[in-house]
Amino acid sequence: SEALVTVIPSAANGAARNDFSFTPQMLS
């Protein structure tokens, strides 16, 4: 369990997005 990570989507310029939702396209 110490190896679990969080994946946060970011915009094209590298800035982190405020919404933590993934679209099906982002997951693919």
mmCIF file of all heavy atoms, coordinates in Angstrom:
data_MODEL
# 
_entry.id   MODEL 
# 
loop_
_atom_site.group_PDB 
_atom_site.id 
_atom_site.type_symbol 
_atom_site.label_atom_id 
_atom_site.label_alt_id 
_atom_site.label_comp_id 
_atom_site.label_asym_id 
_atom_site.label_entity_id 
_atom_site.label_seq_id 
_atom_site.pdbx_PDB_ins_code 
_atom_site.Cartn_x 
_atom_site.Cartn_y 
_atom_site.Cartn_z 
_atom_site.occupancy 
_atom_site.B_iso_or_equiv 
_atom_site.pdbx_formal_charge 
_atom_site.auth_seq_id 
_atom_site.auth_comp_id 
_atom_site.auth_asym_id 
_atom_site.auth_atom_id 
_atom_site.pdbx_PDB_model_num 
ATOM 1   N N   . SER A 1 1  ? 0.812   -1.218 0.000   1.00 0.00 ? 1  SER A N   1 
ATOM 2   C CA  . SER A 1 1  ? 0.000   0.000  0.000   1.00 0.00 ? 1  SER A CA  1 
ATOM 3   C C   . SER A 1 1  ? 0.848   1.271  0.000   1.00 0.00 ? 1  SER A C   1 
ATOM 4   O O   . SER A 1 1  ? 0.365   2.333  -0.381  1.00 0.00 ? 1  SER A O   1 
ATOM 5   C CB  . SER A 1 1  ? -0.938  0.006  1.207   1.00 0.00 ? 1  SER A CB  1 
ATOM 6   O OG  . SER A 1 1  ? -0.211  0.000  2.414   1.00 0.00 ? 1  SER A OG  1 
ATOM 7   N N   . GLU A 1 2  ? 2.108   1.181  0.410   1.00 0.00 ? 2  GLU A N   1 
ATOM 8   C CA  . GLU A 1 2  ? 2.962   2.371  0.382   1.00 0.00 ? 2  GLU A CA  1 
ATOM 9   C C   . GLU A 1 2  ? 3.353   2.748  -1.037  1.00 0.00 ? 2  GLU A C   1 
ATOM 10  O O   . GLU A 1 2  ? 3.871   3.836  -1.276  1.00 0.00 ? 2  GLU A O   1 
ATOM 11  C CB  . GLU A 1 2  ? 4.216   2.156  1.235   1.00 0.00 ? 2  GLU A CB  1 
ATOM 12  C CG  . GLU A 1 2  ? 5.178   1.108  0.722   1.00 0.00 ? 2  GLU A CG  1 
ATOM 13  C CD  . GLU A 1 2  ? 4.798   -0.323 1.121   1.00 0.00 ? 2  GLU A CD  1 
ATOM 14  O OE1 . GLU A 1 2  ? 3.828   -0.513 1.861   1.00 0.00 ? 2  GLU A OE1 1 
ATOM 15  O OE2 . GLU A 1 2  ? 5.476   -1.241 0.661   1.00 0.00 ? 2  GLU A OE2 1 
ATOM 16  N N   . ALA A 1 3  ? 3.076   1.890  -2.016  1.00 0.00 ? 3  ALA A N   1 
ATOM 17  C CA  . ALA A 1 3  ? 3.426   2.167  -3.402  1.00 0.00 ? 3  ALA A CA  1 
ATOM 18  C C   . ALA A 1 3  ? 2.264   2.762  -4.191  1.00 0.00 ? 3  ALA A C   1 
ATOM 19  O O   . ALA A 1 3  ? 2.397   3.005  -5.383  1.00 0.00 ? 3  ALA A O   1 
ATOM 20  C CB  . ALA A 1 3  ? 3.907   0.893  -4.087  1.00 0.00 ? 3  ALA A CB  1 
ATOM 21  N N   . LEU A 1 4  ? 1.122   3.006  -3.538  1.00 0.00 ? 4  LEU A N   1 
ATOM 22  C CA  . LEU A 1 4  ? -0.011  3.606  -4.237  1.00 0.00 ? 4  LEU A CA  1 
ATOM 23  C C   . LEU A 1 4  ? 0.298   5.057  -4.574  1.00 0.00 ? 4  LEU A C   1 
ATOM 24  O O   . LEU A 1 4  ? 0.960   5.763  -3.815  1.00 0.00 ? 4  LEU A O   1 
ATOM 25  C CB  . LEU A 1 4  ? -1.272  3.536  -3.373  1.00 0.00 ? 4  LEU A CB  1 
ATOM 26  C CG  . LEU A 1 4  ? -1.833  2.152  -3.129  1.00 0.00 ? 4  LEU A CG  1 
ATOM 27  C CD1 . LEU A 1 4  ? -3.028  2.234  -2.198  1.00 0.00 ? 4  LEU A CD1 1 
ATOM 28  C CD2 . LEU A 1 4  ? -2.238  1.497  -4.429  1.00 0.00 ? 4  LEU A CD2 1 
ATOM 29  N N   . VAL A 1 5  ? -0.166  5.514  -5.718  1.00 0.00 ? 5  VAL A N   1 
ATOM 30  C CA  . VAL A 1 5  ? 0.088   6.872  -6.170  1.00 0.00 ? 5  VAL A CA  1 
ATOM 31  C C   . VAL A 1 5  ? -1.215  7.537  -6.574  1.00 0.00 ? 5  VAL A C   1 
ATOM 32  O O   . VAL A 1 5  ? -2.235  6.884  -6.766  1.00 0.00 ? 5  VAL A O   1 
ATOM 33  C CB  . VAL A 1 5  ? 1.070   6.914  -7.360  1.00 0.00 ? 5  VAL A CB  1 
ATOM 34  C CG1 . VAL A 1 5  ? 2.422   6.384  -6.966  1.00 0.00 ? 5  VAL A CG1 1 
ATOM 35  C CG2 . VAL A 1 5  ? 0.518   6.155  -8.538  1.00 0.00 ? 5  VAL A CG2 1 
ATOM 36  N N   . THR A 1 6  ? -1.171  8.845  -6.728  1.00 0.00 ? 6  THR A N   1 
ATOM 37  C CA  . THR A 1 6  ? -2.301  9.617  -7.229  1.00 0.00 ? 6  THR A CA  1 
ATOM 38  C C   . THR A 1 6  ? -1.931  10.171 -8.594  1.00 0.00 ? 6  THR A C   1 
ATOM 39  O O   . THR A 1 6  ? -0.851  10.740 -8.774  1.00 0.00 ? 6  THR A O   1 
ATOM 40  C CB  . THR A 1 6  ? -2.611  10.792 -6.280  1.00 0.00 ? 6  THR A CB  1 
ATOM 41  O OG1 . THR A 1 6  ? -2.902  10.263 -4.995  1.00 0.00 ? 6  THR A OG1 1 
ATOM 42  C CG2 . THR A 1 6  ? -3.788  11.592 -6.772  1.00 0.00 ? 6  THR A CG2 1 
ATOM 43  N N   . VAL A 1 7  ? -2.824  10.008 -9.543  1.00 0.00 ? 7  VAL A N   1 
ATOM 44  C CA  . VAL A 1 7  ? -2.596  10.536 -10.881 1.00 0.00 ? 7  VAL A CA  1 
ATOM 45  C C   . VAL A 1 7  ? -3.479  11.762 -11.029 1.00 0.00 ? 7  VAL A C   1 
ATOM 46  O O   . VAL A 1 7  ? -4.689  11.695 -10.842 1.00 0.00 ? 7  VAL A O   1 
ATOM 47  C CB  . VAL A 1 7  ? -2.939  9.497  -11.961 1.00 0.00 ? 7  VAL A CB  1 
ATOM 48  C CG1 . VAL A 1 7  ? -2.737  10.071 -13.347 1.00 0.00 ? 7  VAL A CG1 1 
ATOM 49  C CG2 . VAL A 1 7  ? -2.107  8.244  -11.753 1.00 0.00 ? 7  VAL A CG2 1 
ATOM 50  N N   . ILE A 1 8  ? -2.870  12.915 -11.335 1.00 0.00 ? 8  ILE A N   1 
ATOM 51  C CA  . ILE A 1 8  ? -3.589  14.174 -11.472 1.00 0.00 ? 8  ILE A CA  1 
ATOM 52  C C   . ILE A 1 8  ? -3.443  14.660 -12.907 1.00 0.00 ? 8  ILE A C   1 
ATOM 53  O O   . ILE A 1 8  ? -2.318  14.796 -13.402 1.00 0.00 ? 8  ILE A O   1 
ATOM 54  C CB  . ILE A 1 8  ? -3.043  15.232 -10.498 1.00 0.00 ? 8  ILE A CB  1 
ATOM 55  C CG1 . ILE A 1 8  ? -3.196  14.749 -9.058  1.00 0.00 ? 8  ILE A CG1 1 
ATOM 56  C CG2 . ILE A 1 8  ? -3.739  16.566 -10.683 1.00 0.00 ? 8  ILE A CG2 1 
ATOM 57  C CD1 . ILE A 1 8  ? -2.534  15.633 -8.041  1.00 0.00 ? 8  ILE A CD1 1 
ATOM 58  N N   . PRO A 1 9  ? -4.544  14.895 -13.579 1.00 0.00 ? 9  PRO A N   1 
ATOM 59  C CA  . PRO A 1 9  ? -4.439  15.383 -14.963 1.00 0.00 ? 9  PRO A CA  1 
ATOM 60  C C   . PRO A 1 9  ? -3.900  16.807 -14.998 1.00 0.00 ? 9  PRO A C   1 
ATOM 61  O O   . PRO A 1 9  ? -4.109  17.594 -14.080 1.00 0.00 ? 9  PRO A O   1 
ATOM 62  C CB  . PRO A 1 9  ? -5.881  15.322 -15.470 1.00 0.00 ? 9  PRO A CB  1 
ATOM 63  C CG  . PRO A 1 9  ? -6.714  15.398 -14.249 1.00 0.00 ? 9  PRO A CG  1 
ATOM 64  C CD  . PRO A 1 9  ? -5.935  14.748 -13.152 1.00 0.00 ? 9  PRO A CD  1 
ATOM 65  N N   . SER A 1 10 ? -3.183  17.134 -16.038 1.00 0.00 ? 10 SER A N   1 
ATOM 66  C CA  . SER A 1 10 ? -2.659  18.494 -16.192 1.00 0.00 ? 10 SER A CA  1 
ATOM 67  C C   . SER A 1 10 ? -2.998  19.001 -17.581 1.00 0.00 ? 10 SER A C   1 
ATOM 68  O O   . SER A 1 10 ? -3.271  18.235 -18.498 1.00 0.00 ? 10 SER A O   1 
ATOM 69  C CB  . SER A 1 10 ? -1.154  18.529 -15.970 1.00 0.00 ? 10 SER A CB  1 
ATOM 70  O OG  . SER A 1 10 ? -0.510  17.742 -16.937 1.00 0.00 ? 10 SER A OG  1 
ATOM 71  N N   . ALA A 1 11 ? -2.955  20.306 -17.709 1.00 0.00 ? 11 ALA A N   1 
ATOM 72  C CA  . ALA A 1 11 ? -3.222  20.941 -18.997 1.00 0.00 ? 11 ALA A CA  1 
ATOM 73  C C   . ALA A 1 11 ? -1.987  20.790 -19.888 1.00 0.00 ? 11 ALA A C   1 
ATOM 74  O O   . ALA A 1 11 ? -0.934  20.334 -19.459 1.00 0.00 ? 11 ALA A O   1 
ATOM 75  C CB  . ALA A 1 11 ? -3.568  22.407 -18.794 1.00 0.00 ? 11 ALA A CB  1 
ATOM 76  N N   . ALA A 1 12 ? -2.103  21.194 -21.130 1.00 0.00 ? 12 ALA A N   1 
ATOM 77  C CA  . ALA A 1 12 ? -0.994  21.065 -22.084 1.00 0.00 ? 12 ALA A CA  1 
ATOM 78  C C   . ALA A 1 12 ? 0.222   21.875 -21.649 1.00 0.00 ? 12 ALA A C   1 
ATOM 79  O O   . ALA A 1 12 ? 1.356   21.495 -21.934 1.00 0.00 ? 12 ALA A O   1 
ATOM 80  C CB  . ALA A 1 12 ? -1.456  21.509 -23.464 1.00 0.00 ? 12 ALA A CB  1 
ATOM 81  N N   . ASN A 1 13 ? 0.011   22.971 -20.930 1.00 0.00 ? 13 ASN A N   1 
ATOM 82  C CA  . ASN A 1 13 ? 1.143   23.795 -20.502 1.00 0.00 ? 13 ASN A CA  1 
ATOM 83  C C   . ASN A 1 13 ? 1.759   23.298 -19.194 1.00 0.00 ? 13 ASN A C   1 
ATOM 84  O O   . ASN A 1 13 ? 2.658   23.923 -18.663 1.00 0.00 ? 13 ASN A O   1 
ATOM 85  C CB  . ASN A 1 13 ? 0.721   25.258 -20.364 1.00 0.00 ? 13 ASN A CB  1 
ATOM 86  C CG  . ASN A 1 13 ? -0.345  25.458 -19.301 1.00 0.00 ? 13 ASN A CG  1 
ATOM 87  O OD1 . ASN A 1 13 ? -0.783  24.512 -18.661 1.00 0.00 ? 13 ASN A OD1 1 
ATOM 88  N ND2 . ASN A 1 13 ? -0.774  26.696 -19.128 1.00 0.00 ? 13 ASN A ND2 1 
ATOM 89  N N   . GLY A 1 14 ? 1.263   22.186 -18.645 1.00 0.00 ? 14 GLY A N   1 
ATOM 90  C CA  . GLY A 1 14 ? 1.840   21.616 -17.442 1.00 0.00 ? 14 GLY A CA  1 
ATOM 91  C C   . GLY A 1 14 ? 1.165   22.041 -16.162 1.00 0.00 ? 14 GLY A C   1 
ATOM 92  O O   . GLY A 1 14 ? 1.495   21.539 -15.095 1.00 0.00 ? 14 GLY A O   1 
ATOM 93  N N   . ALA A 1 15 ? 0.215   22.982 -16.236 1.00 0.00 ? 15 ALA A N   1 
ATOM 94  C CA  . ALA A 1 15 ? -0.482  23.425 -15.030 1.00 0.00 ? 15 ALA A CA  1 
ATOM 95  C C   . ALA A 1 15 ? -1.495  22.364 -14.609 1.00 0.00 ? 15 ALA A C   1 
ATOM 96  O O   . ALA A 1 15 ? -2.196  21.788 -15.432 1.00 0.00 ? 15 ALA A O   1 
ATOM 97  C CB  . ALA A 1 15 ? -1.197  24.750 -15.289 1.00 0.00 ? 15 ALA A CB  1 
ATOM 98  N N   . ALA A 1 16 ? -1.545  22.095 -13.320 1.00 0.00 ? 16 ALA A N   1 
ATOM 99  C CA  . ALA A 1 16 ? -2.493  21.090 -12.810 1.00 0.00 ? 16 ALA A CA  1 
ATOM 100 C C   . ALA A 1 16 ? -3.914  21.627 -12.921 1.00 0.00 ? 16 ALA A C   1 
ATOM 101 O O   . ALA A 1 16 ? -4.171  22.812 -12.705 1.00 0.00 ? 16 ALA A O   1 
ATOM 102 C CB  . ALA A 1 16 ? -2.171  20.766 -11.363 1.00 0.00 ? 16 ALA A CB  1 
ATOM 103 N N   . ARG A 1 17 ? -4.824  20.747 -13.266 1.00 0.00 ? 17 ARG A N   1 
ATOM 104 C CA  . ARG A 1 17 ? -6.234  21.131 -13.373 1.00 0.00 ? 17 ARG A CA  1 
ATOM 105 C C   . ARG A 1 17 ? -6.894  21.027 -12.010 1.00 0.00 ? 17 ARG A C   1 
ATOM 106 O O   . ARG A 1 17 ? -6.486  20.244 -11.169 1.00 0.00 ? 17 ARG A O   1 
ATOM 107 C CB  . ARG A 1 17 ? -6.942  20.219 -14.367 1.00 0.00 ? 17 ARG A CB  1 
ATOM 108 C CG  . ARG A 1 17 ? -6.461  20.442 -15.783 1.00 0.00 ? 17 ARG A CG  1 
ATOM 109 C CD  . ARG A 1 17 ? -7.090  19.510 -16.758 1.00 0.00 ? 17 ARG A CD  1 
ATOM 110 N NE  . ARG A 1 17 ? -8.516  19.309 -16.500 1.00 0.00 ? 17 ARG A NE  1 
ATOM 111 C CZ  . ARG A 1 17 ? -9.262  18.481 -17.193 1.00 0.00 ? 17 ARG A CZ  1 
ATOM 112 N NH1 . ARG A 1 17 ? -8.732  17.782 -18.168 1.00 0.00 ? 17 ARG A NH1 1 
ATOM 113 N NH2 . ARG A 1 17 ? -10.530 18.338 -16.915 1.00 0.00 ? 17 ARG A NH2 1 
ATOM 114 N N   . ASN A 1 18 ? -7.938  21.805 -11.811 1.00 0.00 ? 18 ASN A N   1 
ATOM 115 C CA  . ASN A 1 18 ? -8.634  21.803 -10.525 1.00 0.00 ? 18 ASN A CA  1 
ATOM 116 C C   . ASN A 1 18 ? -9.611  20.650 -10.389 1.00 0.00 ? 18 ASN A C   1 
ATOM 117 O O   . ASN A 1 18 ? -9.886  20.199 -9.296  1.00 0.00 ? 18 ASN A O   1 
ATOM 118 C CB  . ASN A 1 18 ? -9.363  23.131 -10.307 1.00 0.00 ? 18 ASN A CB  1 
ATOM 119 C CG  . ASN A 1 18 ? -8.400  24.259 -10.065 1.00 0.00 ? 18 ASN A CG  1 
ATOM 120 O OD1 . ASN A 1 18 ? -7.289  24.040 -9.599  1.00 0.00 ? 18 ASN A OD1 1 
ATOM 121 N ND2 . ASN A 1 18 ? -8.804  25.466 -10.381 1.00 0.00 ? 18 ASN A ND2 1 
ATOM 122 N N   . ASP A 1 19 ? -10.177 20.186 -11.491 1.00 0.00 ? 19 ASP A N   1 
ATOM 123 C CA  . ASP A 1 19 ? -11.097 19.055 -11.406 1.00 0.00 ? 19 ASP A CA  1 
ATOM 124 C C   . ASP A 1 19 ? -10.291 17.767 -11.548 1.00 0.00 ? 19 ASP A C   1 
ATOM 125 O O   . ASP A 1 19 ? -9.411  17.646 -12.369 1.00 0.00 ? 19 ASP A O   1 
ATOM 126 C CB  . ASP A 1 19 ? -12.191 19.133 -12.474 1.00 0.00 ? 19 ASP A CB  1 
ATOM 127 C CG  . ASP A 1 19 ? -11.623 19.091 -13.880 1.00 0.00 ? 19 ASP A CG  1 
ATOM 128 O OD1 . ASP A 1 19 ? -10.424 19.386 -14.034 1.00 0.00 ? 19 ASP A OD1 1 
ATOM 129 O OD2 . ASP A 1 19 ? -12.372 18.762 -14.801 1.00 0.00 ? 19 ASP A OD2 1 
ATOM 130 N N   . PHE A 1 20 ? -10.574 16.810 -10.716 1.00 0.00 ? 20 PHE A N   1 
ATOM 131 C CA  . PHE A 1 20 ? -9.802  15.584 -10.707 1.00 0.00 ? 20 PHE A CA  1 
ATOM 132 C C   . PHE A 1 20 ? -10.539 14.459 -11.425 1.00 0.00 ? 20 PHE A C   1 
ATOM 133 O O   . PHE A 1 20 ? -10.423 13.307 -11.080 1.00 0.00 ? 20 PHE A O   1 
ATOM 134 C CB  . PHE A 1 20 ? -9.502  15.166 -9.266  1.00 0.00 ? 20 PHE A CB  1 
ATOM 135 C CG  . PHE A 1 20 ? -8.608  16.129 -8.568  1.00 0.00 ? 20 PHE A CG  1 
ATOM 136 C CD1 . PHE A 1 20 ? -9.107  16.954 -7.589  1.00 0.00 ? 20 PHE A CD1 1 
ATOM 137 C CD2 . PHE A 1 20 ? -7.277  16.217 -8.899  1.00 0.00 ? 20 PHE A CD2 1 
ATOM 138 C CE1 . PHE A 1 20 ? -8.283  17.837 -6.937  1.00 0.00 ? 20 PHE A CE1 1 
ATOM 139 C CE2 . PHE A 1 20 ? -6.448  17.103 -8.256  1.00 0.00 ? 20 PHE A CE2 1 
ATOM 140 C CZ  . PHE A 1 20 ? -6.950  17.921 -7.275  1.00 0.00 ? 20 PHE A CZ  1 
ATOM 141 N N   . SER A 1 21 ? -11.294 14.805 -12.456 1.00 0.00 ? 21 SER A N   1 
ATOM 142 C CA  . SER A 1 21 ? -12.032 13.786 -13.192 1.00 0.00 ? 21 SER A CA  1 
ATOM 143 C C   . SER A 1 21 ? -11.274 13.429 -14.468 1.00 0.00 ? 21 SER A C   1 
ATOM 144 O O   . SER A 1 21 ? -10.656 14.269 -15.101 1.00 0.00 ? 21 SER A O   1 
ATOM 145 C CB  . SER A 1 21 ? -13.425 14.292 -13.524 1.00 0.00 ? 21 SER A CB  1 
ATOM 146 O OG  . SER A 1 21 ? -13.342 15.459 -14.322 1.00 0.00 ? 21 SER A OG  1 
ATOM 147 N N   . PHE A 1 22 ? -11.349 12.172 -14.826 1.00 0.00 ? 22 PHE A N   1 
ATOM 148 C CA  . PHE A 1 22 ? -10.751 11.700 -16.063 1.00 0.00 ? 22 PHE A CA  1 
ATOM 149 C C   . PHE A 1 22 ? -11.864 11.371 -17.041 1.00 0.00 ? 22 PHE A C   1 
ATOM 150 O O   . PHE A 1 22 ? -12.824 10.685 -16.693 1.00 0.00 ? 22 PHE A O   1 
ATOM 151 C CB  . PHE A 1 22 ? -9.919  10.437 -15.818 1.00 0.00 ? 22 PHE A CB  1 
ATOM 152 C CG  . PHE A 1 22 ? -8.576  10.702 -15.233 1.00 0.00 ? 22 PHE A CG  1 
ATOM 153 C CD1 . PHE A 1 22 ? -8.353  10.563 -13.883 1.00 0.00 ? 22 PHE A CD1 1 
ATOM 154 C CD2 . PHE A 1 22 ? -7.528  11.087 -16.048 1.00 0.00 ? 22 PHE A CD2 1 
ATOM 155 C CE1 . PHE A 1 22 ? -7.110  10.806 -13.352 1.00 0.00 ? 22 PHE A CE1 1 
ATOM 156 C CE2 . PHE A 1 22 ? -6.279  11.332 -15.520 1.00 0.00 ? 22 PHE A CE2 1 
ATOM 157 C CZ  . PHE A 1 22 ? -6.067  11.196 -14.171 1.00 0.00 ? 22 PHE A CZ  1 
ATOM 158 N N   . THR A 1 23 ? -11.726 11.829 -18.244 1.00 0.00 ? 23 THR A N   1 
ATOM 159 C CA  . THR A 1 23 ? -12.671 11.464 -19.296 1.00 0.00 ? 23 THR A CA  1 
ATOM 160 C C   . THR A 1 23 ? -12.219 10.120 -19.882 1.00 0.00 ? 23 THR A C   1 
ATOM 161 O O   . THR A 1 23 ? -11.057 9.724  -19.703 1.00 0.00 ? 23 THR A O   1 
ATOM 162 C CB  . THR A 1 23 ? -12.699 12.530 -20.397 1.00 0.00 ? 23 THR A CB  1 
ATOM 163 O OG1 . THR A 1 23 ? -11.406 12.588 -21.007 1.00 0.00 ? 23 THR A OG1 1 
ATOM 164 C CG2 . THR A 1 23 ? -13.073 13.887 -19.835 1.00 0.00 ? 23 THR A CG2 1 
ATOM 165 N N   . PRO A 1 24 ? -13.089 9.417  -20.571 1.00 0.00 ? 24 PRO A N   1 
ATOM 166 C CA  . PRO A 1 24 ? -12.660 8.159  -21.202 1.00 0.00 ? 24 PRO A CA  1 
ATOM 167 C C   . PRO A 1 24 ? -11.492 8.360  -22.169 1.00 0.00 ? 24 PRO A C   1 
ATOM 168 O O   . PRO A 1 24 ? -10.610 7.502  -22.268 1.00 0.00 ? 24 PRO A O   1 
ATOM 169 C CB  . PRO A 1 24 ? -13.914 7.680  -21.925 1.00 0.00 ? 24 PRO A CB  1 
ATOM 170 C CG  . PRO A 1 24 ? -15.039 8.288  -21.154 1.00 0.00 ? 24 PRO A CG  1 
ATOM 171 C CD  . PRO A 1 24 ? -14.532 9.607  -20.673 1.00 0.00 ? 24 PRO A CD  1 
ATOM 172 N N   . GLN A 1 25 ? -11.470 9.500  -22.867 1.00 0.00 ? 25 GLN A N   1 
ATOM 173 C CA  . GLN A 1 25 ? -10.362 9.767  -23.785 1.00 0.00 ? 25 GLN A CA  1 
ATOM 174 C C   . GLN A 1 25 ? -9.045  9.923  -23.012 1.00 0.00 ? 25 GLN A C   1 
ATOM 175 O O   . GLN A 1 25 ? -7.998  9.427  -23.440 1.00 0.00 ? 25 GLN A O   1 
ATOM 176 C CB  . GLN A 1 25 ? -10.636 11.044 -24.596 1.00 0.00 ? 25 GLN A CB  1 
ATOM 177 C CG  . GLN A 1 25 ? -11.787 10.943 -25.562 1.00 0.00 ? 25 GLN A CG  1 
ATOM 178 C CD  . GLN A 1 25 ? -13.135 11.198 -24.891 1.00 0.00 ? 25 GLN A CD  1 
ATOM 179 O OE1 . GLN A 1 25 ? -13.202 11.616 -23.741 1.00 0.00 ? 25 GLN A OE1 1 
ATOM 180 N NE2 . GLN A 1 25 ? -14.208 10.919 -25.615 1.00 0.00 ? 25 GLN A NE2 1 
ATOM 181 N N   . MET A 1 26 ? -9.098  10.607 -21.876 1.00 0.00 ? 26 MET A N   1 
ATOM 182 C CA  . MET A 1 26 ? -7.887  10.794 -21.072 1.00 0.00 ? 26 MET A CA  1 
ATOM 183 C C   . MET A 1 26 ? -7.378  9.453  -20.546 1.00 0.00 ? 26 MET A C   1 
ATOM 184 O O   . MET A 1 26 ? -6.168  9.199  -20.508 1.00 0.00 ? 26 MET A O   1 
ATOM 185 C CB  . MET A 1 26 ? -8.149  11.747 -19.915 1.00 0.00 ? 26 MET A CB  1 
ATOM 186 C CG  . MET A 1 26 ? -8.364  13.190 -20.337 1.00 0.00 ? 26 MET A CG  1 
ATOM 187 S SD  . MET A 1 26 ? -8.878  14.236 -18.966 1.00 0.00 ? 26 MET A SD  1 
ATOM 188 C CE  . MET A 1 26 ? -7.371  14.335 -18.048 1.00 0.00 ? 26 MET A CE  1 
ATOM 189 N N   . LEU A 1 27 ? -8.294  8.579  -20.147 1.00 0.00 ? 27 LEU A N   1 
ATOM 190 C CA  . LEU A 1 27 ? -7.886  7.266  -19.656 1.00 0.00 ? 27 LEU A CA  1 
ATOM 191 C C   . LEU A 1 27 ? -7.253  6.425  -20.746 1.00 0.00 ? 27 LEU A C   1 
ATOM 192 O O   . LEU A 1 27 ? -6.264  5.718  -20.513 1.00 0.00 ? 27 LEU A O   1 
ATOM 193 C CB  . LEU A 1 27 ? -9.088  6.543  -19.041 1.00 0.00 ? 27 LEU A CB  1 
ATOM 194 C CG  . LEU A 1 27 ? -9.578  7.096  -17.709 1.00 0.00 ? 27 LEU A CG  1 
ATOM 195 C CD1 . LEU A 1 27 ? -10.844 6.398  -17.270 1.00 0.00 ? 27 LEU A CD1 1 
ATOM 196 C CD2 . LEU A 1 27 ? -8.509  6.978  -16.646 1.00 0.00 ? 27 LEU A CD2 1 
ATOM 197 N N   . SER A 1 28 ? -7.797  6.497  -21.959 1.00 0.00 ? 28 SER A N   1 
ATOM 198 C CA  . SER A 1 28 ? -7.193  5.714  -23.050 1.00 0.00 ? 28 SER A CA  1 
ATOM 199 C C   . SER A 1 28 ? -5.815  6.263  -23.410 1.00 0.00 ? 28 SER A C   1 
ATOM 200 O O   . SER A 1 28 ? -4.893  5.487  -23.694 1.00 0.00 ? 28 SER A O   1 
ATOM 201 C CB  . SER A 1 28 ? -8.119  5.699  -24.265 1.00 0.00 ? 28 SER A CB  1 
ATOM 202 O OG  . SER A 1 28 ? -8.228  6.991  -24.822 1.00 0.00 ? 28 SER A OG  1 
# 
